[in-house]
Protein backbone atom coordinates (compact mmCIF):
# COMPACT_ATOMS: atom_id res chain seq x y z
CA MET A 1 -68.28 -111.14 9.34
CA ALA A 2 -68.79 -113.11 12.37
CA ARG A 3 -65.63 -111.61 14.11
CA LYS A 4 -66.67 -108.20 12.64
CA THR A 5 -69.89 -108.00 14.62
CA SER A 6 -67.97 -109.89 17.50
CA ASN A 7 -66.43 -106.91 17.95
CA ALA A 8 -68.59 -104.14 17.25
CA ARG A 9 -70.66 -105.59 19.53
CA ARG A 10 -67.63 -105.62 22.10
CA TRP A 11 -67.15 -102.13 21.76
CA GLY A 12 -71.08 -101.14 22.39
CA PHE A 13 -70.57 -102.90 25.24
CA THR A 14 -67.56 -101.36 26.20
CA ILE A 15 -68.68 -97.70 25.78
CA LEU A 16 -72.00 -98.17 26.83
CA ALA A 17 -69.66 -99.53 30.48
CA TRP A 18 -67.78 -96.24 30.53
CA GLY A 19 -71.27 -93.97 29.81
CA VAL A 20 -72.95 -96.68 32.44
CA ALA A 21 -69.55 -95.34 34.88
CA LEU A 22 -69.19 -91.92 34.10
CA LEU A 23 -73.41 -91.07 35.07
CA ILE A 24 -72.52 -93.04 37.71
CA PHE A 25 -69.04 -91.27 39.11
CA PHE A 26 -70.15 -87.83 37.86
CA PRO A 27 -71.88 -86.69 41.37
CA ILE A 28 -68.50 -87.77 43.21
CA LEU A 29 -66.44 -85.84 40.28
CA TRP A 30 -69.47 -82.08 40.68
CA THR A 31 -68.47 -82.86 44.29
CA ILE A 32 -64.51 -82.43 44.35
CA LEU A 33 -64.53 -80.05 41.27
CA THR A 34 -67.64 -77.88 43.56
CA SER A 35 -64.31 -78.05 46.00
CA PHE A 36 -61.81 -76.59 44.88
CA LYS A 37 -64.50 -73.47 43.45
CA SER A 38 -65.19 -70.28 45.42
CA GLU A 39 -68.56 -69.62 46.73
CA ALA A 40 -69.37 -67.69 44.15
CA ASP A 41 -68.52 -69.85 41.60
CA ALA A 42 -70.11 -72.53 43.50
CA ILE A 43 -73.97 -71.58 42.45
CA ALA A 44 -72.90 -70.10 39.25
CA SER A 45 -75.19 -69.69 36.71
CA PRO A 46 -74.62 -71.94 34.00
CA PRO A 47 -72.10 -73.85 35.88
CA LYS A 48 -68.49 -73.72 35.43
CA PHE A 49 -67.16 -76.93 34.98
CA LEU A 50 -63.13 -76.66 35.16
CA PHE A 51 -62.90 -73.44 33.72
CA PHE A 52 -62.83 -71.10 37.14
CA ASP A 53 -60.58 -69.77 39.85
CA TRP A 54 -59.22 -72.83 41.51
CA THR A 55 -58.56 -72.60 45.39
CA THR A 56 -57.62 -74.93 48.21
CA GLU A 57 -59.25 -72.27 50.71
CA ASN A 58 -62.36 -74.20 51.67
CA TYR A 59 -59.82 -76.90 52.48
CA THR A 60 -57.93 -74.79 54.48
CA GLU A 61 -61.25 -73.86 56.16
CA VAL A 62 -63.23 -76.66 57.23
CA ARG A 63 -59.72 -77.68 58.51
CA ALA A 64 -59.49 -75.41 61.10
CA ARG A 65 -63.38 -74.72 61.79
CA SER A 66 -63.27 -78.75 62.66
CA PRO A 67 -60.98 -81.79 64.09
CA TYR A 68 -61.13 -83.79 60.59
CA PHE A 69 -58.53 -86.56 62.01
CA ARG A 70 -60.84 -87.04 65.35
CA HIS A 71 -63.93 -87.68 63.05
CA PHE A 72 -62.12 -89.97 60.09
CA MET A 73 -60.81 -91.38 63.08
CA ASN A 74 -64.32 -92.18 64.46
CA SER A 75 -65.15 -93.74 61.14
CA VAL A 76 -62.09 -95.96 61.32
CA ILE A 77 -62.97 -97.49 64.69
CA ILE A 78 -66.98 -98.19 64.33
CA SER A 79 -66.89 -99.52 61.00
CA VAL A 80 -64.43 -101.36 61.24
CA GLY A 81 -65.09 -102.62 65.19
CA SER A 82 -68.54 -103.03 63.97
CA THR A 83 -67.55 -105.07 60.85
CA LEU A 84 -65.21 -107.41 62.88
CA LEU A 85 -67.80 -107.75 65.76
CA GLY A 86 -70.22 -108.69 63.19
CA LEU A 87 -68.04 -111.62 61.89
CA LEU A 88 -67.14 -112.87 64.70
CA ILE A 89 -71.28 -113.35 64.91
CA ALA A 90 -71.93 -114.57 61.31
CA ILE A 91 -68.81 -117.11 60.31
CA PRO A 92 -70.80 -119.35 63.54
CA ALA A 93 -74.02 -118.62 61.97
CA ALA A 94 -72.96 -118.75 58.21
CA TRP A 95 -71.41 -122.35 59.47
CA SER A 96 -74.43 -123.39 61.25
CA MET A 97 -76.97 -122.76 58.47
CA ALA A 98 -74.66 -124.03 55.56
CA PHE A 99 -73.68 -127.47 56.74
CA GLN A 100 -75.88 -127.91 60.34
CA PRO A 101 -79.74 -126.17 58.28
CA ALA A 102 -82.67 -127.29 60.00
CA ARG A 103 -85.76 -127.26 59.16
CA ARG A 104 -86.41 -123.51 59.73
CA THR A 105 -82.97 -122.04 58.86
CA LYS A 106 -84.84 -120.21 55.41
CA ASP A 107 -87.08 -119.14 57.11
CA LEU A 108 -84.95 -117.56 59.42
CA LEU A 109 -82.85 -116.34 56.79
CA MET A 110 -85.62 -114.56 55.24
CA TRP A 111 -86.64 -113.29 58.35
CA MET A 112 -83.17 -111.53 59.44
CA LEU A 113 -83.66 -110.04 56.00
CA SER A 114 -86.40 -108.29 55.99
CA THR A 115 -85.68 -106.82 58.99
CA LYS A 116 -83.68 -104.18 57.14
CA MET A 117 -86.79 -103.81 55.12
CA MET A 118 -87.76 -101.87 58.36
CA PRO A 119 -87.84 -98.44 58.49
CA ALA A 120 -85.21 -96.95 60.39
CA ALA A 121 -86.82 -94.07 61.93
CA GLY A 122 -90.01 -96.40 62.55
CA VAL A 123 -87.38 -97.79 66.01
CA LEU A 124 -85.23 -94.17 66.53
CA ILE A 125 -87.38 -93.04 69.65
CA PRO A 126 -87.40 -96.94 72.01
CA MET A 127 -83.58 -96.77 70.48
CA TYR A 128 -82.31 -93.26 71.64
CA LEU A 129 -84.25 -93.44 74.62
CA LEU A 130 -82.02 -96.97 75.44
CA PHE A 131 -78.51 -95.12 74.71
CA ARG A 132 -79.79 -92.37 77.38
CA ASP A 133 -80.35 -94.79 79.86
CA TRP A 134 -78.22 -96.95 79.83
CA GLY A 135 -75.52 -94.00 79.05
CA LEU A 136 -74.14 -94.68 75.36
CA LEU A 137 -75.00 -91.54 74.03
CA ASP A 138 -71.86 -90.12 72.06
CA THR A 139 -69.83 -93.14 72.39
CA ARG A 140 -68.11 -95.45 69.93
CA ILE A 141 -69.00 -99.02 71.88
CA GLY A 142 -73.50 -97.87 71.30
CA ILE A 143 -72.61 -96.76 68.22
CA THR A 144 -70.44 -99.56 66.61
CA VAL A 145 -73.23 -102.25 68.19
CA VAL A 146 -76.25 -100.51 65.98
CA LEU A 147 -74.25 -101.27 63.04
CA MET A 148 -72.75 -103.77 63.88
CA PHE A 149 -76.82 -105.36 64.06
CA ILE A 150 -77.52 -103.11 61.26
CA ASN A 151 -75.57 -105.36 58.89
CA LEU A 152 -75.27 -108.41 60.39
CA PRO A 153 -78.10 -110.19 58.01
CA ILE A 154 -76.03 -109.00 54.59
CA ILE A 155 -73.04 -110.73 56.69
CA THR A 156 -74.69 -113.40 57.25
CA TRP A 157 -76.29 -113.63 54.14
CA MET A 158 -72.70 -113.35 52.31
CA LEU A 159 -70.70 -115.49 54.63
CA TYR A 160 -73.40 -118.40 54.31
CA THR A 161 -74.13 -118.28 49.98
CA TYR A 162 -70.26 -117.90 49.67
CA PHE A 163 -69.96 -120.96 52.85
CA ARG A 164 -72.81 -123.30 50.65
CA GLU A 165 -69.75 -123.22 47.99
CA ILE A 166 -67.58 -125.39 49.84
CA PRO A 167 -67.96 -128.96 49.67
CA SER A 168 -69.15 -130.62 53.05
CA GLU A 169 -66.59 -133.76 52.05
CA ILE A 170 -63.71 -130.98 53.38
CA LEU A 171 -65.39 -130.79 56.50
CA GLU A 172 -66.14 -134.21 56.93
CA ALA A 173 -63.08 -134.99 56.21
CA ALA A 174 -61.49 -133.07 58.86
CA ARG A 175 -64.35 -133.93 61.29
CA MET A 176 -62.58 -137.90 60.95
CA ASP A 177 -59.44 -136.67 60.61
CA GLY A 178 -60.01 -135.63 63.93
CA ALA A 179 -60.92 -131.87 64.28
CA THR A 180 -62.80 -130.26 66.90
CA LEU A 181 -66.04 -127.56 66.12
CA SER A 182 -64.18 -124.82 66.62
CA SER A 183 -61.23 -126.13 64.96
CA GLU A 184 -62.62 -126.98 61.53
CA ILE A 185 -64.29 -123.83 61.58
CA ILE A 186 -61.13 -122.02 62.19
CA HIS A 187 -58.33 -123.72 60.72
CA VAL A 188 -60.28 -125.67 57.87
CA LEU A 189 -63.28 -123.40 56.66
CA THR A 190 -61.78 -120.07 57.61
CA PRO A 191 -58.40 -120.60 54.89
CA MET A 192 -61.03 -121.82 52.31
CA ALA A 193 -63.10 -118.62 52.82
CA VAL A 194 -61.41 -115.74 53.04
CA PRO A 195 -62.37 -114.35 49.15
CA GLY A 196 -65.36 -114.41 50.72
CA ILE A 197 -64.74 -113.35 53.65
CA ALA A 198 -62.62 -110.44 53.13
CA SER A 199 -65.33 -109.30 49.91
CA THR A 200 -67.73 -109.65 53.02
CA LEU A 201 -65.17 -107.30 55.27
CA LEU A 202 -65.11 -104.64 52.38
CA LEU A 203 -68.10 -104.37 51.17
CA ASN A 204 -69.58 -103.74 55.10
CA VAL A 205 -66.96 -101.69 56.00
CA ILE A 206 -68.40 -99.19 53.21
CA LEU A 207 -71.79 -99.53 53.99
CA ALA A 208 -71.23 -99.03 57.87
CA TRP A 209 -68.59 -96.07 56.76
CA ASN A 210 -71.19 -94.04 54.70
CA GLU A 211 -74.47 -94.48 57.37
CA ALA A 212 -75.59 -91.09 58.52
CA PHE A 213 -78.73 -91.97 59.75
CA TRP A 214 -78.57 -93.77 63.21
CA THR A 215 -74.67 -91.88 63.48
CA LEU A 216 -76.27 -88.36 63.45
CA ASN A 217 -78.81 -89.22 65.60
CA LEU A 218 -76.83 -90.99 67.84
CA THR A 219 -73.55 -88.95 68.21
CA THR A 220 -73.06 -85.57 68.58
CA SER A 221 -69.41 -85.12 69.29
CA LYS A 222 -67.27 -87.36 70.85
CA ALA A 223 -68.09 -90.41 68.86
CA ALA A 224 -69.37 -88.52 66.08
CA PRO A 225 -67.99 -90.46 62.64
CA LEU A 226 -67.09 -87.99 59.32
CA THR A 227 -70.46 -88.02 58.02
CA THR A 228 -71.73 -85.39 61.19
CA PHE A 229 -68.43 -83.98 60.05
CA ILE A 230 -70.04 -83.18 56.59
CA ALA A 231 -73.73 -82.63 58.35
CA SER A 232 -71.91 -79.61 60.66
CA PHE A 233 -70.95 -77.76 57.21
CA SER A 234 -75.63 -77.76 56.75
CA SER A 235 -76.22 -74.43 59.26
CA PRO A 236 -79.22 -72.63 59.59
CA GLU A 237 -77.79 -69.61 57.88
CA GLY A 238 -77.52 -71.40 54.68
CA LEU A 239 -75.25 -74.17 52.48
CA PHE A 240 -72.16 -73.41 51.98
CA TYR A 241 -71.48 -75.48 49.26
CA ALA A 242 -68.07 -75.66 48.18
CA LYS A 243 -67.01 -75.92 52.00
CA LEU A 244 -69.64 -79.02 52.04
CA SER A 245 -67.95 -80.06 49.23
CA ALA A 246 -64.51 -79.97 51.23
CA ALA A 247 -66.10 -81.57 54.01
CA SER A 248 -67.67 -84.75 51.74
CA THR A 249 -65.10 -85.01 49.31
CA MET A 250 -62.27 -85.32 52.91
CA ALA A 251 -64.61 -87.53 54.20
CA ILE A 252 -65.03 -89.59 50.83
CA ALA A 253 -61.52 -89.96 50.09
CA PRO A 254 -60.26 -92.98 52.33
CA ILE A 255 -63.18 -94.93 51.14
CA LEU A 256 -63.29 -93.97 47.28
CA ILE A 257 -59.44 -95.19 47.77
CA LEU A 258 -59.91 -98.22 50.17
CA GLY A 259 -62.15 -99.36 47.19
CA TRP A 260 -59.34 -98.71 44.10
CA PHE A 261 -57.27 -100.74 45.76
CA SER A 262 -59.33 -103.86 46.96
CA GLN A 263 -61.93 -103.50 43.27
CA LYS A 264 -60.09 -106.74 42.53
CA GLN A 265 -59.95 -108.33 45.97
CA LEU A 266 -64.34 -107.60 46.52
CA VAL A 267 -64.88 -108.27 42.80
CA ARG A 268 -63.45 -111.92 43.46
CA GLY A 269 -65.11 -112.29 46.42
CA LEU A 270 -68.11 -111.27 45.06
CA THR A 271 -67.97 -113.48 42.31
CA PHE A 272 -67.11 -116.79 43.82
CA GLY A 273 -69.82 -117.19 45.71
CA ALA A 274 -70.15 -114.43 48.08
CA VAL A 275 -72.98 -112.73 46.76
CA LYS A 276 -75.35 -113.93 43.91
């Protein structure tokens, strides 16, 4: 009887998990399906789910209208560059907070996290003026630095939480063997923290890839990533849902593929202490 109850409960949780997953994934699925519809089918009422005239014309028009690969490369450079730059700053900072905490370390961590609660629109005007005066508008380096600072609190928090799981005795043993501070971080701490660093990198690449507010306001063409590419298909003439869905599908496809193939590494890092 107990085994039957356990199996029933397991099946119940499995069905519930699949239902929640399908509910979360449905908007993405609907976007992908709409990208293969004509504009008339995209706004049809009642909506057509599978039984419509499939076409790839939207993808052809989207690629002809905008340089997709230029926006794609901008997204790769900005998201990966901002994350790597953030890791270079956050790894020593997280090491210091985890293994050499000061009296105000927890207050500092909470202050860093509180900056994520501030509305981005509140600092848009001074940021825009600074970028204009420094010649950083519509540049890759400018938007990369902005996204690095935006995600730096998350990167630091994730690494700090993960480093706390590493026994300090290991680092003390390395110091007794004559390891310098840089050697301790590079050759001892970093290899042990690879799962946490990898999950931090993947998560923040996704966050930077999906960032729209700053990329739409601080870039126009040269450094414009895929978020700007999507927004270009919303025009005063109206919303062309099929073409907008095709552009959205082309923009999210790379990050969906990355997330699918790296899900084991991401879950492993999150489970072993990167986030609690």
